[in-house]
Amino acid sequence: MSANCLDLDLGFTPATNMIAIRRLRLKVGERGDAPAAWLTLPDLKLRTLPQTYTRSGKSDYRYEAPSEGYRGTLQVSRIGAVIKYPGLFSIVE
């Protein structure tokens, strides 16, 4: 695992995306890389997960995890908590 990982991604909750979103403090249109130490399940191993966030709106972030083939737009609350993660989680109807 790479030593440049500042965040831990637990894989089973979108709450871990909030850590990177809040730390990056992106303005609309800005992009930031946030490689994470990813705890994979069920084997409980840590590996590097390259991640990129692009703030596309006031409450929207384009999230990419290219090594996993994932791209989607996360919707966040005003404090940066993920409230919609396409294909994984949603508290928005």
PDB file of N, CA and C in Angstrom:
ATOM      1  N   MET A   1       0.843  -1.181   0.000  1.00  0.00           N
ATOM      2  CA  MET A   1       0.000   0.000   0.000  1.00  0.00           C
ATOM      3  C   MET A   1       0.886   1.241   0.000  1.00  0.00           C
ATOM      4  N   SER A   2       0.436   2.247  -0.694  1.00  0.00           N
ATOM      5  CA  SER A   2       1.200   3.483  -0.845  1.00  0.00           C
ATOM      6  C   SER A   2       1.184   4.320   0.425  1.00  0.00           C
ATOM      7  N   ALA A   3       2.300   4.952   0.695  1.00  0.00           N
ATOM      8  CA  ALA A   3       2.410   5.818   1.870  1.00  0.00           C
ATOM      9  C   ALA A   3       1.717   7.155   1.671  1.00  0.00           C
ATOM     10  N   ASN A   4       1.246   7.455   0.452  1.00  0.00           N
ATOM     11  CA  ASN A   4       0.623   8.758   0.208  1.00  0.00           C
ATOM     12  C   ASN A   4      -0.881   8.763   0.467  1.00  0.00           C
ATOM     13  N   CYS A   5      -1.409   7.739   1.108  1.00  0.00           N
ATOM     14  CA  CYS A   5      -2.837   7.683   1.428  1.00  0.00           C
ATOM     15  C   CYS A   5      -3.105   8.445   2.729  1.00  0.00           C
ATOM     16  N   LEU A   6      -3.934   9.476   2.630  1.00  0.00           N
ATOM     17  CA  LEU A   6      -4.292  10.251   3.813  1.00  0.00           C
ATOM     18  C   LEU A   6      -5.590   9.775   4.447  1.00  0.00           C
ATOM     19  N   ASP A   7      -6.410   9.079   3.657  1.00  0.00           N
ATOM     20  CA  ASP A   7      -7.737   8.689   4.111  1.00  0.00           C
ATOM     21  C   ASP A   7      -7.863   7.171   4.176  1.00  0.00           C
ATOM     22  N   LEU A   8      -8.776   6.709   5.020  1.00  0.00           N
ATOM     23  CA  LEU A   8      -9.118   5.302   5.112  1.00  0.00           C
ATOM     24  C   LEU A   8     -10.514   5.126   4.551  1.00  0.00           C
ATOM     25  N   ASP A   9     -10.668   4.256   3.567  1.00  0.00           N
ATOM     26  CA  ASP A   9     -11.966   3.960   2.970  1.00  0.00           C
ATOM     27  C   ASP A   9     -12.397   2.599   3.482  1.00  0.00           C
ATOM     28  N   LEU A  10     -13.501   2.571   4.224  1.00  0.00           N
ATOM     29  CA  LEU A  10     -13.968   1.325   4.818  1.00  0.00           C
ATOM     30  C   LEU A  10     -14.770   0.464   3.850  1.00  0.00           C
ATOM     31  N   GLY A  11     -15.106   0.978   2.685  1.00  0.00           N
ATOM     32  CA  GLY A  11     -15.726   0.178   1.652  1.00  0.00           C
ATOM     33  C   GLY A  11     -17.189  -0.169   1.862  1.00  0.00           C
ATOM     34  N   PHE A  12     -17.654  -0.230   3.082  1.00  0.00           N
ATOM     35  CA  PHE A  12     -19.041  -0.614   3.337  1.00  0.00           C
ATOM     36  C   PHE A  12     -19.926   0.573   3.699  1.00  0.00           C
ATOM     37  N   THR A  13     -19.356   1.782   3.680  1.00  0.00           N
ATOM     38  CA  THR A  13     -20.139   2.968   4.017  1.00  0.00           C
ATOM     39  C   THR A  13     -19.665   4.175   3.208  1.00  0.00           C
ATOM     40  N   PRO A  14     -20.593   4.967   2.686  1.00  0.00           N
ATOM     41  CA  PRO A  14     -20.196   6.186   1.984  1.00  0.00           C
ATOM     42  C   PRO A  14     -19.740   7.290   2.942  1.00  0.00           C
ATOM     43  N   ALA A  15     -19.848   7.046   4.232  1.00  0.00           N
ATOM     44  CA  ALA A  15     -19.399   8.052   5.205  1.00  0.00           C
ATOM     45  C   ALA A  15     -17.910   8.326   5.059  1.00  0.00           C
ATOM     46  N   THR A  16     -17.148   7.353   4.577  1.00  0.00           N
ATOM     47  CA  THR A  16     -15.711   7.564   4.433  1.00  0.00           C
ATOM     48  C   THR A  16     -15.385   8.535   3.302  1.00  0.00           C
ATOM     49  N   ASN A  17     -16.291   8.698   2.331  1.00  0.00           N
ATOM     50  CA  ASN A  17     -16.075   9.692   1.276  1.00  0.00           C
ATOM     51  C   ASN A  17     -16.134  11.108   1.840  1.00  0.00           C
ATOM     52  N   MET A  18     -16.886  11.285   2.902  1.00  0.00           N
ATOM     53  CA  MET A  18     -17.009  12.602   3.514  1.00  0.00           C
ATOM     54  C   MET A  18     -15.650  13.113   3.997  1.00  0.00           C
ATOM     55  N   ILE A  19     -14.793  12.216   4.449  1.00  0.00           N
ATOM     56  CA  ILE A  19     -13.477  12.617   4.948  1.00  0.00           C
ATOM     57  C   ILE A  19     -12.697  13.330   3.843  1.00  0.00           C
ATOM     58  N   ALA A  20     -12.622  12.707   2.670  1.00  0.00           N
ATOM     59  CA  ALA A  20     -11.886  13.309   1.551  1.00  0.00           C
ATOM     60  C   ALA A  20     -12.570  14.578   1.052  1.00  0.00           C
ATOM     61  N   ILE A  21     -13.886  14.550   0.934  1.00  0.00           N
ATOM     62  CA  ILE A  21     -14.622  15.718   0.442  1.00  0.00           C
ATOM     63  C   ILE A  21     -14.378  16.924   1.342  1.00  0.00           C
ATOM     64  N   ARG A  22     -14.443  16.725   2.623  1.00  0.00           N
ATOM     65  CA  ARG A  22     -14.234  17.845   3.555  1.00  0.00           C
ATOM     66  C   ARG A  22     -12.778  18.294   3.564  1.00  0.00           C
ATOM     67  N   ARG A  23     -11.850  17.349   3.469  1.00  0.00           N
ATOM     68  CA  ARG A  23     -10.427  17.701   3.485  1.00  0.00           C
ATOM     69  C   ARG A  23     -10.032  18.459   2.227  1.00  0.00           C
ATOM     70  N   LEU A  24     -10.544  18.047   1.067  1.00  0.00           N
ATOM     71  CA  LEU A  24     -10.164  18.685  -0.199  1.00  0.00           C
ATOM     72  C   LEU A  24     -10.698  20.111  -0.331  1.00  0.00           C
ATOM     73  N   ARG A  25     -11.860  20.391   0.235  1.00  0.00           N
ATOM     74  CA  ARG A  25     -12.467  21.738   0.178  1.00  0.00           C
ATOM     75  C   ARG A  25     -12.457  22.316  -1.234  1.00  0.00           C
ATOM     76  N   LEU A  26     -12.968  21.540  -2.179  1.00  0.00           N
ATOM     77  CA  LEU A  26     -12.974  21.958  -3.581  1.00  0.00           C
ATOM     78  C   LEU A  26     -14.039  23.013  -3.836  1.00  0.00           C
ATOM     79  N   LYS A  27     -13.708  23.956  -4.711  1.00  0.00           N
ATOM     80  CA  LYS A  27     -14.691  24.904  -5.219  1.00  0.00           C
ATOM     81  C   LYS A  27     -15.304  24.283  -6.472  1.00  0.00           C
ATOM     82  N   VAL A  28     -16.489  24.763  -6.857  1.00  0.00           N
ATOM     83  CA  VAL A  28     -17.149  24.238  -8.052  1.00  0.00           C
ATOM     84  C   VAL A  28     -16.194  24.337  -9.239  1.00  0.00           C
ATOM     85  N   GLY A  29     -16.027  23.219  -9.941  1.00  0.00           N
ATOM     86  CA  GLY A  29     -15.130  23.146 -11.087  1.00  0.00           C
ATOM     87  C   GLY A  29     -13.748  22.616 -10.766  1.00  0.00           C
ATOM     88  N   GLU A  30     -13.387  22.561  -9.481  1.00  0.00           N
ATOM     89  CA  GLU A  30     -12.069  22.068  -9.091  1.00  0.00           C
ATOM     90  C   GLU A  30     -12.069  20.544  -8.956  1.00  0.00           C
ATOM     91  N   ARG A  31     -10.878  19.980  -9.153  1.00  0.00           N
ATOM     92  CA  ARG A  31     -10.681  18.529  -9.102  1.00  0.00           C
ATOM     93  C   ARG A  31      -9.554  18.231  -8.123  1.00  0.00           C
ATOM     94  N   GLY A  32      -9.693  17.120  -7.406  1.00  0.00           N
ATOM     95  CA  GLY A  32      -8.645  16.726  -6.468  1.00  0.00           C
ATOM     96  C   GLY A  32      -8.493  15.221  -6.397  1.00  0.00           C
ATOM     97  N   ASP A  33      -7.255  14.778  -6.293  1.00  0.00           N
ATOM     98  CA  ASP A  33      -6.967  13.361  -6.121  1.00  0.00           C
ATOM     99  C   ASP A  33      -6.919  13.057  -4.631  1.00  0.00           C
ATOM    100  N   ALA A  34      -7.454  11.899  -4.250  1.00  0.00           N
ATOM    101  CA  ALA A  34      -7.485  11.520  -2.840  1.00  0.00           C
ATOM    102  C   ALA A  34      -7.301  10.010  -2.716  1.00  0.00           C
ATOM    103  N   PRO A  35      -6.093   9.511  -3.019  1.00  0.00           N
ATOM    104  CA  PRO A  35      -5.881   8.074  -2.865  1.00  0.00           C
ATOM    105  C   PRO A  35      -6.129   7.663  -1.416  1.00  0.00           C
ATOM    106  N   ALA A  36      -6.789   6.520  -1.248  1.00  0.00           N
ATOM    107  CA  ALA A  36      -7.150   6.078   0.096  1.00  0.00           C
ATOM    108  C   ALA A  36      -6.608   4.682   0.375  1.00  0.00           C
ATOM    109  N   ALA A  37      -6.400   4.413   1.637  1.00  0.00           N
ATOM    110  CA  ALA A  37      -6.133   3.050   2.086  1.00  0.00           C
ATOM    111  C   ALA A  37      -7.505   2.394   2.196  1.00  0.00           C
ATOM    112  N   TRP A  38      -7.752   1.401   1.354  1.00  0.00           N
ATOM    113  CA  TRP A  38      -9.077   0.796   1.231  1.00  0.00           C
ATOM    114  C   TRP A  38      -9.096  -0.544   1.943  1.00  0.00           C
ATOM    115  N   LEU A  39      -9.994  -0.688   2.901  1.00  0.00           N
ATOM    116  CA  LEU A  39     -10.163  -1.940   3.615  1.00  0.00           C
ATOM    117  C   LEU A  39     -11.141  -2.802   2.812  1.00  0.00           C
ATOM    118  N   THR A  40     -10.621  -3.828   2.158  1.00  0.00           N
ATOM    119  CA  THR A  40     -11.473  -4.686   1.332  1.00  0.00           C
ATOM    120  C   THR A  40     -12.161  -5.737   2.197  1.00  0.00           C
ATOM    121  N   LEU A  41     -13.371  -6.071   1.777  1.00  0.00           N
ATOM    122  CA  LEU A  41     -14.164  -7.076   2.479  1.00  0.00           C
ATOM    123  C   LEU A  41     -14.429  -8.247   1.536  1.00  0.00           C
ATOM    124  N   PRO A  42     -14.500  -9.435   1.978  1.00  0.00           N
ATOM    125  CA  PRO A  42     -14.454  -9.874   3.374  1.00  0.00           C
ATOM    126  C   PRO A  42     -13.049 -10.227   3.863  1.00  0.00           C
ATOM    127  N   ASP A  43     -12.036 -10.046   3.013  1.00  0.00           N
ATOM    128  CA  ASP A  43     -10.680 -10.478   3.371  1.00  0.00           C
ATOM    129  C   ASP A  43      -9.950  -9.565   4.343  1.00  0.00           C
ATOM    130  N   LEU A  44     -10.481  -8.374   4.602  1.00  0.00           N
ATOM    131  CA  LEU A  44      -9.897  -7.414   5.551  1.00  0.00           C
ATOM    132  C   LEU A  44      -8.444  -7.079   5.244  1.00  0.00           C
ATOM    133  N   LYS A  45      -8.180  -6.785   3.990  1.00  0.00           N
ATOM    134  CA  LYS A  45      -6.841  -6.367   3.575  1.00  0.00           C
ATOM    135  C   LYS A  45      -6.880  -4.907   3.160  1.00  0.00           C
ATOM    136  N   LEU A  46      -5.781  -4.207   3.404  1.00  0.00           N
ATOM    137  CA  LEU A  46      -5.661  -2.818   2.976  1.00  0.00           C
ATOM    138  C   LEU A  46      -4.945  -2.764   1.640  1.00  0.00           C
ATOM    139  N   ARG A  47      -5.490  -1.953   0.734  1.00  0.00           N
ATOM    140  CA  ARG A  47      -4.818  -1.712  -0.536  1.00  0.00           C
ATOM    141  C   ARG A  47      -5.066  -0.271  -0.940  1.00  0.00           C
ATOM    142  N   THR A  48      -4.245   0.229  -1.835  1.00  0.00           N
ATOM    143  CA  THR A  48      -4.391   1.603  -2.296  1.00  0.00           C
ATOM    144  C   THR A  48      -5.560   1.691  -3.277  1.00  0.00           C
ATOM    145  N   LEU A  49      -6.424   2.664  -3.054  1.00  0.00           N
ATOM    146  CA  LEU A  49      -7.556   2.921  -3.935  1.00  0.00           C
ATOM    147  C   LEU A  49      -7.409   4.326  -4.497  1.00  0.00           C
ATOM    148  N   PRO A  50      -6.979   4.449  -5.770  1.00  0.00           N
ATOM    149  CA  PRO A  50      -6.927   5.784  -6.379  1.00  0.00           C
ATOM    150  C   PRO A  50      -8.351   6.345  -6.487  1.00  0.00           C
ATOM    151  N   GLN A  51      -8.527   7.592  -6.065  1.00  0.00           N
ATOM    152  CA  GLN A  51      -9.832   8.247  -6.110  1.00  0.00           C
ATOM    153  C   GLN A  51      -9.660   9.686  -6.574  1.00  0.00           C
ATOM    154  N   THR A  52     -10.627  10.153  -7.332  1.00  0.00           N
ATOM    155  CA  THR A  52     -10.645  11.536  -7.786  1.00  0.00           C
ATOM    156  C   THR A  52     -12.031  12.112  -7.530  1.00  0.00           C
ATOM    157  N   TYR A  53     -12.049  13.332  -7.033  1.00  0.00           N
ATOM    158  CA  TYR A  53     -13.291  14.064  -6.803  1.00  0.00           C
ATOM    159  C   TYR A  53     -13.247  15.344  -7.625  1.00  0.00           C
ATOM    160  N   THR A  54     -14.328  15.633  -8.342  1.00  0.00           N
ATOM    161  CA  THR A  54     -14.484  16.889  -9.064  1.00  0.00           C
ATOM    162  C   THR A  54     -15.784  17.512  -8.585  1.00  0.00           C
ATOM    163  N   ARG A  55     -15.703  18.720  -8.056  1.00  0.00           N
ATOM    164  CA  ARG A  55     -16.928  19.369  -7.581  1.00  0.00           C
ATOM    165  C   ARG A  55     -17.660  19.937  -8.784  1.00  0.00           C
ATOM    166  N   SER A  56     -18.823  19.366  -9.052  1.00  0.00           N
ATOM    167  CA  SER A  56     -19.574  19.758 -10.245  1.00  0.00           C
ATOM    168  C   SER A  56     -20.746  20.676  -9.931  1.00  0.00           C
ATOM    169  N   GLY A  57     -21.029  20.894  -8.674  1.00  0.00           N
ATOM    170  CA  GLY A  57     -22.111  21.781  -8.267  1.00  0.00           C
ATOM    171  C   GLY A  57     -22.022  22.033  -6.774  1.00  0.00           C
ATOM    172  N   LYS A  58     -22.969  22.790  -6.265  1.00  0.00           N
ATOM    173  CA  LYS A  58     -22.946  23.140  -4.848  1.00  0.00           C
ATOM    174  C   LYS A  58     -22.946  21.896  -3.956  1.00  0.00           C
ATOM    175  N   SER A  59     -23.719  20.884  -4.342  1.00  0.00           N
ATOM    176  CA  SER A  59     -23.806  19.675  -3.523  1.00  0.00           C
ATOM    177  C   SER A  59     -23.470  18.404  -4.305  1.00  0.00           C
ATOM    178  N   ASP A  60     -22.821  18.542  -5.444  1.00  0.00           N
ATOM    179  CA  ASP A  60     -22.505  17.388  -6.288  1.00  0.00           C
ATOM    180  C   ASP A  60     -21.008  17.257  -6.522  1.00  0.00           C
ATOM    181  N   TYR A  61     -20.540  16.022  -6.426  1.00  0.00           N
ATOM    182  CA  TYR A  61     -19.141  15.691  -6.676  1.00  0.00           C
ATOM    183  C   TYR A  61     -19.083  14.508  -7.624  1.00  0.00           C
ATOM    184  N   ARG A  62     -18.359  14.672  -8.703  1.00  0.00           N
ATOM    185  CA  ARG A  62     -18.090  13.567  -9.615  1.00  0.00           C
ATOM    186  C   ARG A  62     -16.986  12.747  -8.962  1.00  0.00           C
ATOM    187  N   TYR A  63     -17.293  11.491  -8.656  1.00  0.00           N
ATOM    188  CA  TYR A  63     -16.353  10.621  -7.971  1.00  0.00           C
ATOM    189  C   TYR A  63     -15.901   9.517  -8.915  1.00  0.00           C
ATOM    190  N   GLU A  64     -14.596   9.298  -8.954  1.00  0.00           N
ATOM    191  CA  GLU A  64     -14.050   8.241  -9.799  1.00  0.00           C
ATOM    192  C   GLU A  64     -13.069   7.394  -8.999  1.00  0.00           C
ATOM    193  N   ALA A  65     -13.231   6.084  -9.133  1.00  0.00           N
ATOM    194  CA  ALA A  65     -12.288   5.109  -8.598  1.00  0.00           C
ATOM    195  C   ALA A  65     -11.913   4.218  -9.776  1.00  0.00           C
ATOM    196  N   PRO A  66     -10.966   4.686 -10.618  1.00  0.00           N
ATOM    197  CA  PRO A  66     -10.684   4.016 -11.891  1.00  0.00           C
ATOM    198  C   PRO A  66     -10.249   2.558 -11.765  1.00  0.00           C
ATOM    199  N   SER A  67      -9.536   2.203 -10.718  1.00  0.00           N
ATOM    200  CA  SER A  67      -9.095   0.813 -10.581  1.00  0.00           C
ATOM    201  C   SER A  67     -10.270  -0.135 -10.342  1.00  0.00           C
ATOM    202  N   GLU A  68     -11.397   0.420  -9.895  1.00  0.00           N
ATOM    203  CA  GLU A  68     -12.602  -0.378  -9.672  1.00  0.00           C
ATOM    204  C   GLU A  68     -13.639  -0.172 -10.770  1.00  0.00           C
ATOM    205  N   GLY A  69     -13.316   0.672 -11.749  1.00  0.00           N
ATOM    206  CA  GLY A  69     -14.257   0.929 -12.841  1.00  0.00           C
ATOM    207  C   GLY A  69     -15.488   1.696 -12.404  1.00  0.00           C
ATOM    208  N   TYR A  70     -15.381   2.479 -11.335  1.00  0.00           N
ATOM    209  CA  TYR A  70     -16.540   3.214 -10.835  1.00  0.00           C
ATOM    210  C   TYR A  70     -16.432   4.691 -11.159  1.00  0.00           C
ATOM    211  N   ARG A  71     -17.561   5.231 -11.648  1.00  0.00           N
ATOM    212  CA  ARG A  71     -17.742   6.669 -11.839  1.00  0.00           C
ATOM    213  C   ARG A  71     -19.175   6.993 -11.487  1.00  0.00           C
ATOM    214  N   GLY A  72     -19.360   8.038 -10.755  1.00  0.00           N
ATOM    215  CA  GLY A  72     -20.710   8.437 -10.398  1.00  0.00           C
ATOM    216  C   GLY A  72     -20.693   9.809  -9.762  1.00  0.00           C
ATOM    217  N   THR A  73     -21.865  10.405  -9.654  1.00  0.00           N
ATOM    218  CA  THR A  73     -21.984  11.704  -9.018  1.00  0.00           C
ATOM    219  C   THR A  73     -22.559  11.521  -7.624  1.00  0.00           C
ATOM    220  N   LEU A  74     -21.761  11.886  -6.639  1.00  0.00           N
ATOM    221  CA  LEU A  74     -22.198  11.823  -5.253  1.00  0.00           C
ATOM    222  C   LEU A  74     -22.913  13.119  -4.908  1.00  0.00           C
ATOM    223  N   GLN A  75     -23.992  12.994  -4.187  1.00  0.00           N
ATOM    224  CA  GLN A  75     -24.688  14.178  -3.692  1.00  0.00           C
ATOM    225  C   GLN A  75     -24.428  14.249  -2.201  1.00  0.00           C
ATOM    226  N   VAL A  76     -24.102  15.441  -1.711  1.00  0.00           N
ATOM    227  CA  VAL A  76     -23.754  15.605  -0.300  1.00  0.00           C
ATOM    228  C   VAL A  76     -24.654  16.626   0.375  1.00  0.00           C
ATOM    229  N   SER A  77     -24.733  16.503   1.688  1.00  0.00           N
ATOM    230  CA  SER A  77     -25.466  17.484   2.495  1.00  0.00           C
ATOM    231  C   SER A  77     -24.595  18.723   2.659  1.00  0.00           C
ATOM    232  N   ARG A  78     -25.100  19.713   3.325  1.00  0.00           N
ATOM    233  CA  ARG A  78     -24.336  20.957   3.497  1.00  0.00           C
ATOM    234  C   ARG A  78     -23.063  20.769   4.318  1.00  0.00           C
ATOM    235  N   ILE A  79     -22.981  19.694   5.126  1.00  0.00           N
ATOM    236  CA  ILE A  79     -21.765  19.445   5.903  1.00  0.00           C
ATOM    237  C   ILE A  79     -20.820  18.454   5.202  1.00  0.00           C
ATOM    238  N   GLY A  80     -21.208  18.013   4.010  1.00  0.00           N
ATOM    239  CA  GLY A  80     -20.346  17.110   3.243  1.00  0.00           C
ATOM    240  C   GLY A  80     -20.644  15.642   3.417  1.00  0.00           C
ATOM    241  N   ALA A  81     -21.688  15.285   4.159  1.00  0.00           N
ATOM    242  CA  ALA A  81     -22.071  13.886   4.312  1.00  0.00           C
ATOM    243  C   ALA A  81     -22.720  13.397   3.020  1.00  0.00           C
ATOM    244  N   VAL A  82     -22.313  12.241   2.544  1.00  0.00           N
ATOM    245  CA  VAL A  82     -22.873  11.690   1.314  1.00  0.00           C
ATOM    246  C   VAL A  82     -24.307  11.229   1.577  1.00  0.00           C
ATOM    247  N   ILE A  83     -25.237  11.769   0.788  1.00  0.00           N
ATOM    248  CA  ILE A  83     -26.632  11.377   0.923  1.00  0.00           C
ATOM    249  C   ILE A  83     -27.125  10.586  -0.291  1.00  0.00           C
ATOM    250  N   LYS A  84     -26.316  10.579  -1.356  1.00  0.00           N
ATOM    251  CA  LYS A  84     -26.637   9.760  -2.526  1.00  0.00           C
ATOM    252  C   LYS A  84     -25.336   9.303  -3.180  1.00  0.00           C
ATOM    253  N   TYR A  85     -25.207   7.985  -3.291  1.00  0.00           N
ATOM    254  CA  TYR A  85     -24.036   7.351  -3.891  1.00  0.00           C
ATOM    255  C   TYR A  85     -24.592   6.339  -4.879  1.00  0.00           C
ATOM    256  N   PRO A  86     -24.654   6.679  -6.175  1.00  0.00           N
ATOM    257  CA  PRO A  86     -25.295   5.814  -7.163  1.00  0.00           C
ATOM    258  C   PRO A  86     -24.779   4.371  -7.119  1.00  0.00           C
ATOM    259  N   GLY A  87     -25.737   3.455  -7.037  1.00  0.00           N
ATOM    260  CA  GLY A  87     -25.423   2.036  -7.029  1.00  0.00           C
ATOM    261  C   GLY A  87     -25.063   1.480  -5.664  1.00  0.00           C
ATOM    262  N   LEU A  88     -25.011   2.351  -4.632  1.00  0.00           N
ATOM    263  CA  LEU A  88     -24.611   1.876  -3.314  1.00  0.00           C
ATOM    264  C   LEU A  88     -25.531   2.343  -2.197  1.00  0.00           C
ATOM    265  N   PHE A  89     -25.899   3.641  -2.222  1.00  0.00           N
ATOM    266  CA  PHE A  89     -26.542   4.208  -1.040  1.00  0.00           C
ATOM    267  C   PHE A  89     -27.339   5.440  -1.420  1.00  0.00           C
ATOM    268  N   SER A  90     -28.477   5.618  -0.750  1.00  0.00           N
ATOM    269  CA  SER A  90     -29.251   6.848  -0.957  1.00  0.00           C
ATOM    270  C   SER A  90     -30.178   7.076   0.219  1.00  0.00           C
ATOM    271  N   ILE A  91     -30.206   8.306   0.711  1.00  0.00           N
ATOM    272  CA  ILE A  91     -31.227   8.678   1.681  1.00  0.00           C
ATOM    273  C   ILE A  91     -32.146   9.742   1.067  1.00  0.00           C
ATOM    274  N   VAL A  92     -31.997   9.960  -0.236  1.00  0.00           N
ATOM    275  CA  VAL A  92     -32.811  10.911  -0.978  1.00  0.00           C
ATOM    276  C   VAL A  92     -33.788  10.118  -1.849  1.00  0.00           C
ATOM    277  N   GLU A  93     -35.020  10.555  -1.875  1.00  0.00           N
ATOM    278  CA  GLU A  93     -35.996   9.870  -2.729  1.00  0.00           C
ATOM    279  C   GLU A  93     -36.102  10.533  -4.070  1.00  0.00           C
TER     280      GLU A  93
END
